[in-house]
Amino acid sequence: MAGVGIQGDECLYQQGVAIAKQFGQEYQFTKKQLRDYLKGTMSPWYEFFLDYNPASDISKTTCPIFVMNGEKDLQVIASSNVEVIRNNLPKNKKSKVKIYPGLNHLFQECTTGVPTEYINIKQTISPIVLEDIVDWLKQIF
């Protein structure tokens, strides 16, 4: 669910650009400036995430996978992450890939996708997503 397919620093950079754009602003950092700012200020996990490129791990996956992203997800941009995951997934007839129109990072129906919008959305998760998960699980088992 909203999985990252690209290197961590690129994911965070795309996130910053997309969120700034929603606010009608231009992102103020280059990717190098963002890396330099985050290095040493974040937890060890974030430091790992900046350099982690999941493509090789994705290509080693042997079980069926349901790759899903919200089209309005501004934290993990569907257009760049889903395609990389799809291209690196081993061919498995039971795997599925879907981008949900109008849903954010939390798979909620939303207006903008900006993370500050999450708290004002009453929906926990779109019922369509839950139905798709159940249907997919029934197909693979």
C-alpha atoms as a PDB file:
ATOM      1  CA  MET A   1       0.000   0.000   0.000  1.00  0.00           C
ATOM      2  CA  ALA A   2       1.577   3.247  -1.251  1.00  0.00           C
ATOM      3  CA  GLY A   3       4.913   1.471  -1.582  1.00  0.00           C
ATOM      4  CA  VAL A   4       8.062   3.236  -2.647  1.00  0.00           C
ATOM      5  CA  GLY A   5       9.664   2.030  -5.875  1.00  0.00           C
ATOM      6  CA  ILE A   6      12.304   4.731  -6.348  1.00  0.00           C
ATOM      7  CA  GLN A   7      15.326   5.698  -4.255  1.00  0.00           C
ATOM      8  CA  GLY A   8      14.399   7.372  -0.959  1.00  0.00           C
ATOM      9  CA  ASP A   9      15.965  10.770  -1.625  1.00  0.00           C
ATOM     10  CA  GLU A  10      14.164  10.996  -4.974  1.00  0.00           C
ATOM     11  CA  CYS A  11      10.879  10.018  -3.302  1.00  0.00           C
ATOM     12  CA  LEU A  12      11.274  12.747  -0.668  1.00  0.00           C
ATOM     13  CA  TYR A  13      12.267  15.288  -3.320  1.00  0.00           C
ATOM     14  CA  GLN A  14       9.210  14.463  -5.466  1.00  0.00           C
ATOM     15  CA  GLN A  15       7.057  14.694  -2.336  1.00  0.00           C
ATOM     16  CA  GLY A  16       8.347  18.190  -1.568  1.00  0.00           C
ATOM     17  CA  VAL A  17       7.818  19.370  -5.150  1.00  0.00           C
ATOM     18  CA  ALA A  18       4.261  17.976  -5.280  1.00  0.00           C
ATOM     19  CA  ILE A  19       3.196  19.426  -1.936  1.00  0.00           C
ATOM     20  CA  ALA A  20       4.680  22.853  -2.725  1.00  0.00           C
ATOM     21  CA  LYS A  21       2.853  22.819  -6.075  1.00  0.00           C
ATOM     22  CA  GLN A  22      -0.483  22.137  -4.308  1.00  0.00           C
ATOM     23  CA  PHE A  23       0.106  25.299  -2.283  1.00  0.00           C
ATOM     24  CA  GLY A  24       0.938  27.258  -5.439  1.00  0.00           C
ATOM     25  CA  GLN A  25       4.591  27.506  -4.490  1.00  0.00           C
ATOM     26  CA  GLU A  26       7.881  26.454  -5.999  1.00  0.00           C
ATOM     27  CA  TYR A  27       9.949  23.910  -4.070  1.00  0.00           C
ATOM     28  CA  GLN A  28      12.969  25.680  -2.568  1.00  0.00           C
ATOM     29  CA  PHE A  29      15.495  22.817  -2.528  1.00  0.00           C
ATOM     30  CA  THR A  30      17.507  20.886  -5.074  1.00  0.00           C
ATOM     31  CA  LYS A  31      17.741  17.175  -4.345  1.00  0.00           C
ATOM     32  CA  LYS A  32      21.334  17.667  -3.110  1.00  0.00           C
ATOM     33  CA  GLN A  33      20.264  20.477  -0.762  1.00  0.00           C
ATOM     34  CA  LEU A  34      17.484  18.274   0.599  1.00  0.00           C
ATOM     35  CA  ARG A  35      19.912  15.386   1.190  1.00  0.00           C
ATOM     36  CA  ASP A  36      22.422  17.685   2.890  1.00  0.00           C
ATOM     37  CA  TYR A  37      19.709  19.120   5.131  1.00  0.00           C
ATOM     38  CA  LEU A  38      18.306  15.725   6.105  1.00  0.00           C
ATOM     39  CA  LYS A  39      21.647  13.945   6.630  1.00  0.00           C
ATOM     40  CA  GLY A  40      22.472  13.993  10.309  1.00  0.00           C
ATOM     41  CA  THR A  41      19.150  15.492  11.375  1.00  0.00           C
ATOM     42  CA  MET A  42      17.002  12.405  10.951  1.00  0.00           C
ATOM     43  CA  SER A  43      16.738   9.022  12.615  1.00  0.00           C
ATOM     44  CA  PRO A  44      18.980   6.159  11.473  1.00  0.00           C
ATOM     45  CA  TRP A  45      16.012   4.763   9.528  1.00  0.00           C
ATOM     46  CA  TYR A  46      15.666   7.985   7.510  1.00  0.00           C
ATOM     47  CA  GLU A  47      19.401   8.039   6.869  1.00  0.00           C
ATOM     48  CA  PHE A  48      19.058   4.505   5.474  1.00  0.00           C
ATOM     49  CA  PHE A  49      15.965   5.482   3.479  1.00  0.00           C
ATOM     50  CA  LEU A  50      17.750   8.346   1.670  1.00  0.00           C
ATOM     51  CA  ASP A  51      20.131   5.907  -0.032  1.00  0.00           C
ATOM     52  CA  TYR A  52      17.851   2.877  -0.299  1.00  0.00           C
ATOM     53  CA  ASN A  53      16.750   1.883  -3.782  1.00  0.00           C
ATOM     54  CA  PRO A  54      14.094  -0.854  -3.495  1.00  0.00           C
ATOM     55  CA  ALA A  55      14.278  -1.992  -7.152  1.00  0.00           C
ATOM     56  CA  SER A  56      16.641  -4.925  -6.529  1.00  0.00           C
ATOM     57  CA  ASP A  57      14.625  -6.155  -3.548  1.00  0.00           C
ATOM     58  CA  ILE A  58      11.401  -5.863  -5.543  1.00  0.00           C
ATOM     59  CA  SER A  59      12.890  -7.980  -8.322  1.00  0.00           C
ATOM     60  CA  LYS A  60      13.598 -10.771  -5.792  1.00  0.00           C
ATOM     61  CA  THR A  61       9.965 -10.968  -4.681  1.00  0.00           C
ATOM     62  CA  THR A  62       8.496 -14.416  -5.200  1.00  0.00           C
ATOM     63  CA  CYS A  63       5.021 -14.118  -3.700  1.00  0.00           C
ATOM     64  CA  PRO A  64       2.007 -12.423  -5.310  1.00  0.00           C
ATOM     65  CA  ILE A  65       1.842  -8.691  -4.604  1.00  0.00           C
ATOM     66  CA  PHE A  66      -0.990  -6.183  -4.771  1.00  0.00           C
ATOM     67  CA  VAL A  67       0.666  -2.863  -5.616  1.00  0.00           C
ATOM     68  CA  MET A  68      -1.676   0.032  -4.896  1.00  0.00           C
ATOM     69  CA  ASN A  69      -1.359   3.786  -4.733  1.00  0.00           C
ATOM     70  CA  GLY A  70      -3.705   6.706  -4.542  1.00  0.00           C
ATOM     71  CA  GLU A  71      -3.647   8.938  -7.606  1.00  0.00           C
ATOM     72  CA  LYS A  72      -3.628  12.022  -5.327  1.00  0.00           C
ATOM     73  CA  ASP A  73      -0.902  10.627  -3.061  1.00  0.00           C
ATOM     74  CA  LEU A  74       1.615  13.440  -2.593  1.00  0.00           C
ATOM     75  CA  GLN A  75       3.904  11.452  -0.303  1.00  0.00           C
ATOM     76  CA  VAL A  76       4.587   8.529  -2.651  1.00  0.00           C
ATOM     77  CA  ILE A  77       3.883   9.778  -6.162  1.00  0.00           C
ATOM     78  CA  ALA A  78       2.007   7.009  -7.958  1.00  0.00           C
ATOM     79  CA  SER A  79       3.141   7.908 -11.480  1.00  0.00           C
ATOM     80  CA  SER A  80       6.840   7.381 -10.693  1.00  0.00           C
ATOM     81  CA  ASN A  81       6.738   4.707  -7.993  1.00  0.00           C
ATOM     82  CA  VAL A  82       4.136   2.282  -9.340  1.00  0.00           C
ATOM     83  CA  GLU A  83       5.790   2.045 -12.761  1.00  0.00           C
ATOM     84  CA  VAL A  84       9.177   1.216 -11.240  1.00  0.00           C
ATOM     85  CA  ILE A  85       7.610  -1.443  -9.026  1.00  0.00           C
ATOM     86  CA  ARG A  86       5.674  -2.904 -11.965  1.00  0.00           C
ATOM     87  CA  ASN A  87       8.815  -3.004 -14.126  1.00  0.00           C
ATOM     88  CA  ASN A  88      10.854  -4.756 -11.427  1.00  0.00           C
ATOM     89  CA  LEU A  89       8.257  -7.261 -10.251  1.00  0.00           C
ATOM     90  CA  PRO A  90       8.829 -10.808 -11.436  1.00  0.00           C
ATOM     91  CA  LYS A  91       5.966 -11.933 -13.640  1.00  0.00           C
ATOM     92  CA  ASN A  92       3.338 -13.497 -11.424  1.00  0.00           C
ATOM     93  CA  LYS A  93      -0.184 -13.999 -12.704  1.00  0.00           C
ATOM     94  CA  LYS A  94      -1.594 -13.436  -9.229  1.00  0.00           C
ATOM     95  CA  SER A  95       0.057 -10.033  -8.706  1.00  0.00           C
ATOM     96  CA  LYS A  96      -2.048  -6.941  -9.259  1.00  0.00           C
ATOM     97  CA  VAL A  97      -1.293  -3.240  -9.759  1.00  0.00           C
ATOM     98  CA  LYS A  98      -3.854  -0.478  -9.297  1.00  0.00           C
ATOM     99  CA  ILE A  99      -3.816   3.305  -8.950  1.00  0.00           C
ATOM    100  CA  TYR A 100      -6.982   4.600  -7.272  1.00  0.00           C
ATOM    101  CA  PRO A 101      -8.363   7.854  -8.713  1.00  0.00           C
ATOM    102  CA  GLY A 102      -9.096  10.566  -6.151  1.00  0.00           C
ATOM    103  CA  LEU A 103      -7.411   8.810  -3.203  1.00  0.00           C
ATOM    104  CA  ASN A 104      -4.528  10.105  -1.081  1.00  0.00           C
ATOM    105  CA  HIS A 105      -1.596   8.375   0.651  1.00  0.00           C
ATOM    106  CA  LEU A 106      -3.949   6.913   3.264  1.00  0.00           C
ATOM    107  CA  PHE A 107      -6.372   5.703   0.566  1.00  0.00           C
ATOM    108  CA  GLN A 108      -9.002   8.236   1.596  1.00  0.00           C
ATOM    109  CA  GLU A 109     -11.223  10.131  -0.822  1.00  0.00           C
ATOM    110  CA  CYS A 110      -9.755  13.626  -0.812  1.00  0.00           C
ATOM    111  CA  THR A 111      -9.675  17.020  -2.476  1.00  0.00           C
ATOM    112  CA  THR A 112      -5.970  17.857  -2.755  1.00  0.00           C
ATOM    113  CA  GLY A 113      -3.928  14.976  -1.326  1.00  0.00           C
ATOM    114  CA  VAL A 114      -1.936  17.340   0.912  1.00  0.00           C
ATOM    115  CA  PRO A 115      -1.042  15.596   4.207  1.00  0.00           C
ATOM    116  CA  THR A 116      -2.557  18.446   6.269  1.00  0.00           C
ATOM    117  CA  GLU A 117      -5.903  17.478   4.742  1.00  0.00           C
ATOM    118  CA  TYR A 118      -5.843  13.989   6.357  1.00  0.00           C
ATOM    119  CA  ILE A 119      -7.099  15.123   9.748  1.00  0.00           C
ATOM    120  CA  ASN A 120     -10.238  16.671   8.242  1.00  0.00           C
ATOM    121  CA  ILE A 121     -11.258  13.546   6.319  1.00  0.00           C
ATOM    122  CA  LYS A 122     -13.744  11.387   8.206  1.00  0.00           C
ATOM    123  CA  GLN A 123     -13.172   8.314   6.052  1.00  0.00           C
ATOM    124  CA  THR A 124     -10.554   5.913   7.420  1.00  0.00           C
ATOM    125  CA  ILE A 125     -10.009   4.108   4.116  1.00  0.00           C
ATOM    126  CA  SER A 126     -12.023   3.909   0.919  1.00  0.00           C
ATOM    127  CA  PRO A 127     -14.408   0.934   0.931  1.00  0.00           C
ATOM    128  CA  ILE A 128     -13.391   0.267  -2.686  1.00  0.00           C
ATOM    129  CA  VAL A 129      -9.820  -0.415  -1.556  1.00  0.00           C
ATOM    130  CA  LEU A 130     -11.005  -2.805   1.152  1.00  0.00           C
ATOM    131  CA  GLU A 131     -13.238  -4.643  -1.336  1.00  0.00           C
ATOM    132  CA  ASP A 132     -10.361  -4.942  -3.806  1.00  0.00           C
ATOM    133  CA  ILE A 133      -8.042  -6.335  -1.117  1.00  0.00           C
ATOM    134  CA  VAL A 134     -10.616  -8.938  -0.103  1.00  0.00           C
ATOM    135  CA  ASP A 135     -11.305  -9.887  -3.743  1.00  0.00           C
ATOM    136  CA  TRP A 136      -7.576 -10.184  -4.487  1.00  0.00           C
ATOM    137  CA  LEU A 137      -6.973 -12.345  -1.421  1.00  0.00           C
ATOM    138  CA  LYS A 138      -9.808 -14.646  -2.455  1.00  0.00           C
ATOM    139  CA  GLN A 139      -8.209 -14.999  -5.894  1.00  0.00           C
ATOM    140  CA  ILE A 140      -4.768 -15.946  -4.598  1.00  0.00           C
ATOM    141  CA  PHE A 141      -5.919 -18.382  -1.894  1.00  0.00           C
END
